[in-house]
Amino acid sequence: MSMEIYLLSDQDVPSTQAWQKAIDALGFDVRFLDDETLQTKEVRLRTEYLKTPVLMELSRSGLAELREIFPKVAFPEHVAHIHTLRWSMSFEGSAAAYQAAAAYVGLVKGLMIDSEEGNLKTPDGAIELARSVAADVSVAHEALVNLFGQAKK
């Protein structure tokens, strides 16, 4: 099962290198493994979260598509760039995706909406949510270690 976060902005991030700088500035744990341009319609992103491999995909989307998915959300009238960030559902994948998404919208002063909550988040709200997801992942790992005696991924 894959999960999705939508990134809305009037600016575009040119590469994973620029995106990684924003991630690092926030002290997040996700790392891009390749320097990729983000100027294509779709790009696969090899990442790591605390040394665990995570594969994500970034693709261009449209505002009409988002309005169809989230009919009750009041989107801005115009957004120059909309990306969909997808990843396979896992603890590490979720933490990596939320951290990457928060850094992206923080860098471009954009908005984020995820397929779970369905609420628009400002950069500050996205960063707070990313920190919360990472904390939840840490708690879940600790619970698994306590239950099984070793970390399960």
C-alpha atoms as a PDB file:
ATOM      1  CA  MET A   1       0.000   0.000   0.000  1.00  0.00           C
ATOM      2  CA  SER A   2       1.339   3.420  -0.864  1.00  0.00           C
ATOM      3  CA  MET A   3       0.717   6.685   0.907  1.00  0.00           C
ATOM      4  CA  GLU A   4       0.635  10.184  -0.543  1.00  0.00           C
ATOM      5  CA  ILE A   5       1.447  13.733   0.462  1.00  0.00           C
ATOM      6  CA  TYR A   6       0.710  16.629  -1.861  1.00  0.00           C
ATOM      7  CA  LEU A   7       3.061  19.622  -2.020  1.00  0.00           C
ATOM      8  CA  LEU A   8       1.695  22.940  -3.274  1.00  0.00           C
ATOM      9  CA  SER A   9       3.890  25.938  -4.064  1.00  0.00           C
ATOM     10  CA  ASP A  10       4.481  28.835  -6.398  1.00  0.00           C
ATOM     11  CA  GLN A  11       8.198  27.996  -6.515  1.00  0.00           C
ATOM     12  CA  ASP A  12       9.903  24.813  -7.611  1.00  0.00           C
ATOM     13  CA  VAL A  13      12.817  23.049  -5.931  1.00  0.00           C
ATOM     14  CA  PRO A  14      15.357  22.309  -8.694  1.00  0.00           C
ATOM     15  CA  SER A  15      17.146  19.263  -7.261  1.00  0.00           C
ATOM     16  CA  THR A  16      17.458  16.829  -4.392  1.00  0.00           C
ATOM     17  CA  GLN A  17      20.658  18.668  -3.447  1.00  0.00           C
ATOM     18  CA  ALA A  18      18.723  21.885  -2.698  1.00  0.00           C
ATOM     19  CA  TRP A  19      16.013  19.843  -0.959  1.00  0.00           C
ATOM     20  CA  GLN A  20      18.608  18.034   1.179  1.00  0.00           C
ATOM     21  CA  LYS A  21      19.976  21.363   2.403  1.00  0.00           C
ATOM     22  CA  ALA A  22      16.489  22.269   3.656  1.00  0.00           C
ATOM     23  CA  ILE A  23      16.174  18.847   5.336  1.00  0.00           C
ATOM     24  CA  ASP A  24      19.564  19.234   7.010  1.00  0.00           C
ATOM     25  CA  ALA A  25      18.724  22.750   8.213  1.00  0.00           C
ATOM     26  CA  LEU A  26      15.746  21.279  10.105  1.00  0.00           C
ATOM     27  CA  GLY A  27      17.883  18.514  11.637  1.00  0.00           C
ATOM     28  CA  PHE A  28      15.799  15.771  10.023  1.00  0.00           C
ATOM     29  CA  ASP A  29      17.047  12.202   9.511  1.00  0.00           C
ATOM     30  CA  VAL A  30      16.080  11.541   5.885  1.00  0.00           C
ATOM     31  CA  ARG A  31      18.903  11.508   3.310  1.00  0.00           C
ATOM     32  CA  PHE A  32      18.717  11.463  -0.481  1.00  0.00           C
ATOM     33  CA  LEU A  33      21.153   8.930  -1.910  1.00  0.00           C
ATOM     34  CA  ASP A  34      21.308  10.448  -5.405  1.00  0.00           C
ATOM     35  CA  ASP A  35      21.502  13.978  -6.772  1.00  0.00           C
ATOM     36  CA  GLU A  36      18.408  14.140  -8.980  1.00  0.00           C
ATOM     37  CA  THR A  37      16.815  16.956 -10.910  1.00  0.00           C
ATOM     38  CA  LEU A  38      13.206  17.575  -9.937  1.00  0.00           C
ATOM     39  CA  GLN A  39      12.327  19.251 -13.228  1.00  0.00           C
ATOM     40  CA  THR A  40      10.840  16.078 -14.718  1.00  0.00           C
ATOM     41  CA  LYS A  41       7.254  14.848 -14.603  1.00  0.00           C
ATOM     42  CA  GLU A  42       8.177  11.963 -12.323  1.00  0.00           C
ATOM     43  CA  VAL A  43      11.304  10.979 -10.411  1.00  0.00           C
ATOM     44  CA  ARG A  44      12.115   8.053  -8.144  1.00  0.00           C
ATOM     45  CA  LEU A  45      13.921   9.113  -4.997  1.00  0.00           C
ATOM     46  CA  ARG A  46      16.239   6.689  -3.241  1.00  0.00           C
ATOM     47  CA  THR A  47      16.508   7.783   0.375  1.00  0.00           C
ATOM     48  CA  GLU A  48      17.493   6.514   3.789  1.00  0.00           C
ATOM     49  CA  TYR A  49      15.858   7.151   7.112  1.00  0.00           C
ATOM     50  CA  LEU A  50      18.254   6.391   9.968  1.00  0.00           C
ATOM     51  CA  LYS A  51      20.197   4.141   7.560  1.00  0.00           C
ATOM     52  CA  THR A  52      17.072   2.204   6.481  1.00  0.00           C
ATOM     53  CA  PRO A  53      16.453   2.369   2.700  1.00  0.00           C
ATOM     54  CA  VAL A  54      13.232   4.077   1.654  1.00  0.00           C
ATOM     55  CA  LEU A  55      12.048   4.508  -1.928  1.00  0.00           C
ATOM     56  CA  MET A  56       9.846   7.496  -2.706  1.00  0.00           C
ATOM     57  CA  GLU A  57       8.402   8.905  -5.901  1.00  0.00           C
ATOM     58  CA  LEU A  58       7.733  12.540  -6.744  1.00  0.00           C
ATOM     59  CA  SER A  59       5.351  13.337  -9.596  1.00  0.00           C
ATOM     60  CA  ARG A  60       3.597  16.402 -10.896  1.00  0.00           C
ATOM     61  CA  SER A  61      -0.130  16.730 -10.206  1.00  0.00           C
ATOM     62  CA  GLY A  62      -2.859  19.246 -10.903  1.00  0.00           C
ATOM     63  CA  LEU A  63      -5.101  21.399  -8.763  1.00  0.00           C
ATOM     64  CA  ALA A  64      -8.250  19.903 -10.340  1.00  0.00           C
ATOM     65  CA  GLU A  65      -7.103  16.440  -9.219  1.00  0.00           C
ATOM     66  CA  LEU A  66      -6.615  17.642  -5.640  1.00  0.00           C
ATOM     67  CA  ARG A  67      -9.998  19.332  -5.577  1.00  0.00           C
ATOM     68  CA  GLU A  68     -11.537  16.030  -6.649  1.00  0.00           C
ATOM     69  CA  ILE A  69      -9.702  14.045  -3.958  1.00  0.00           C
ATOM     70  CA  PHE A  70     -10.361  16.619  -1.207  1.00  0.00           C
ATOM     71  CA  PRO A  71     -13.677  18.304  -2.143  1.00  0.00           C
ATOM     72  CA  LYS A  72     -14.132  19.997   1.250  1.00  0.00           C
ATOM     73  CA  VAL A  73     -10.683  21.639   1.339  1.00  0.00           C
ATOM     74  CA  ALA A  74     -10.433  25.319   0.391  1.00  0.00           C
ATOM     75  CA  PHE A  75      -7.397  25.290  -1.901  1.00  0.00           C
ATOM     76  CA  PRO A  76      -5.840  28.507  -3.189  1.00  0.00           C
ATOM     77  CA  GLU A  77      -7.278  29.657  -6.531  1.00  0.00           C
ATOM     78  CA  HIS A  78      -3.956  29.200  -8.293  1.00  0.00           C
ATOM     79  CA  VAL A  79      -0.864  27.149  -7.467  1.00  0.00           C
ATOM     80  CA  ALA A  80       2.035  27.052  -9.922  1.00  0.00           C
ATOM     81  CA  HIS A  81       3.499  23.706  -8.810  1.00  0.00           C
ATOM     82  CA  ILE A  82       1.794  20.677  -7.297  1.00  0.00           C
ATOM     83  CA  HIS A  83       3.724  17.491  -6.586  1.00  0.00           C
ATOM     84  CA  THR A  84       2.606  14.155  -5.227  1.00  0.00           C
ATOM     85  CA  LEU A  85       5.102  12.429  -2.933  1.00  0.00           C
ATOM     86  CA  ARG A  86       4.426   8.680  -2.670  1.00  0.00           C
ATOM     87  CA  TRP A  87       6.066   5.987  -0.577  1.00  0.00           C
ATOM     88  CA  SER A  88       5.397   2.427   0.542  1.00  0.00           C
ATOM     89  CA  MET A  89       3.769   2.312   3.928  1.00  0.00           C
ATOM     90  CA  SER A  90       6.356   1.546   6.598  1.00  0.00           C
ATOM     91  CA  PHE A  91       7.517   3.215   9.789  1.00  0.00           C
ATOM     92  CA  GLU A  92      10.683   4.519   8.173  1.00  0.00           C
ATOM     93  CA  GLY A  93       8.921   5.425   4.936  1.00  0.00           C
ATOM     94  CA  SER A  94       6.373   7.550   6.764  1.00  0.00           C
ATOM     95  CA  ALA A  95       8.982   9.370   8.842  1.00  0.00           C
ATOM     96  CA  ALA A  96      11.155   9.984   5.767  1.00  0.00           C
ATOM     97  CA  ALA A  97       8.248  11.210   3.632  1.00  0.00           C
ATOM     98  CA  TYR A  98       6.837  13.578   6.245  1.00  0.00           C
ATOM     99  CA  GLN A  99      10.299  15.005   6.933  1.00  0.00           C
ATOM    100  CA  ALA A 100      11.029  15.425   3.225  1.00  0.00           C
ATOM    101  CA  ALA A 101       7.619  17.013   2.596  1.00  0.00           C
ATOM    102  CA  ALA A 102       7.967  19.424   5.514  1.00  0.00           C
ATOM    103  CA  ALA A 103      11.405  20.537   4.345  1.00  0.00           C
ATOM    104  CA  TYR A 104      10.119  21.009   0.790  1.00  0.00           C
ATOM    105  CA  VAL A 105       7.183  23.231   1.773  1.00  0.00           C
ATOM    106  CA  GLY A 106       9.397  25.094   4.231  1.00  0.00           C
ATOM    107  CA  LEU A 107      11.927  25.807   1.508  1.00  0.00           C
ATOM    108  CA  VAL A 108       9.350  27.134  -0.970  1.00  0.00           C
ATOM    109  CA  LYS A 109       6.904  28.593   1.586  1.00  0.00           C
ATOM    110  CA  GLY A 110       4.217  26.280   0.225  1.00  0.00           C
ATOM    111  CA  LEU A 111       1.429  24.123   1.605  1.00  0.00           C
ATOM    112  CA  MET A 112       1.128  20.399   2.253  1.00  0.00           C
ATOM    113  CA  ILE A 113      -1.861  18.072   2.443  1.00  0.00           C
ATOM    114  CA  ASP A 114      -1.653  14.374   3.245  1.00  0.00           C
ATOM    115  CA  SER A 115      -4.017  11.545   2.385  1.00  0.00           C
ATOM    116  CA  GLU A 116      -4.486  10.693   6.091  1.00  0.00           C
ATOM    117  CA  GLU A 117      -5.616  13.975   7.676  1.00  0.00           C
ATOM    118  CA  GLY A 118      -6.760  15.783   4.551  1.00  0.00           C
ATOM    119  CA  ASN A 119      -5.947  19.213   6.016  1.00  0.00           C
ATOM    120  CA  LEU A 120      -3.775  21.889   4.457  1.00  0.00           C
ATOM    121  CA  LYS A 121      -0.612  22.506   6.474  1.00  0.00           C
ATOM    122  CA  THR A 122       1.587  25.583   6.419  1.00  0.00           C
ATOM    123  CA  PRO A 123       5.346  25.025   6.595  1.00  0.00           C
ATOM    124  CA  ASP A 124       5.257  25.326  10.409  1.00  0.00           C
ATOM    125  CA  GLY A 125       2.366  22.859  10.643  1.00  0.00           C
ATOM    126  CA  ALA A 126       4.109  20.441   8.273  1.00  0.00           C
ATOM    127  CA  ILE A 127       7.333  20.616  10.293  1.00  0.00           C
ATOM    128  CA  GLU A 128       5.437  19.997  13.527  1.00  0.00           C
ATOM    129  CA  LEU A 129       3.648  17.020  11.952  1.00  0.00           C
ATOM    130  CA  ALA A 130       6.943  15.602  10.622  1.00  0.00           C
ATOM    131  CA  ARG A 131       8.494  15.790  14.087  1.00  0.00           C
ATOM    132  CA  SER A 132       5.412  14.092  15.552  1.00  0.00           C
ATOM    133  CA  VAL A 133       5.515  11.264  12.989  1.00  0.00           C
ATOM    134  CA  ALA A 134       9.237  10.697  13.668  1.00  0.00           C
ATOM    135  CA  ALA A 135       8.559  10.581  17.416  1.00  0.00           C
ATOM    136  CA  ASP A 136       5.716   8.098  16.861  1.00  0.00           C
ATOM    137  CA  VAL A 137       8.040   5.914  14.761  1.00  0.00           C
ATOM    138  CA  SER A 138      10.606   5.942  17.555  1.00  0.00           C
ATOM    139  CA  VAL A 139       7.968   4.934  20.125  1.00  0.00           C
ATOM    140  CA  ALA A 140       6.690   2.152  17.850  1.00  0.00           C
ATOM    141  CA  HIS A 141      10.213   0.786  17.380  1.00  0.00           C
ATOM    142  CA  GLU A 142      10.790   0.840  21.143  1.00  0.00           C
ATOM    143  CA  ALA A 143       7.500  -0.979  21.736  1.00  0.00           C
ATOM    144  CA  LEU A 144       8.484  -3.663  19.221  1.00  0.00           C
ATOM    145  CA  VAL A 145      11.870  -4.080  20.876  1.00  0.00           C
ATOM    146  CA  ASN A 146      10.154  -4.463  24.251  1.00  0.00           C
ATOM    147  CA  LEU A 147       7.644  -6.923  22.835  1.00  0.00           C
ATOM    148  CA  PHE A 148       9.941  -9.049  20.691  1.00  0.00           C
ATOM    149  CA  GLY A 149      13.388  -8.307  22.047  1.00  0.00           C
ATOM    150  CA  GLN A 150      14.650  -6.853  18.752  1.00  0.00           C
ATOM    151  CA  ALA A 151      13.714  -4.083  16.354  1.00  0.00           C
ATOM    152  CA  LYS A 152      11.210  -5.137  13.676  1.00  0.00           C
ATOM    153  CA  LYS A 153      10.974  -3.140  10.476  1.00  0.00           C
END
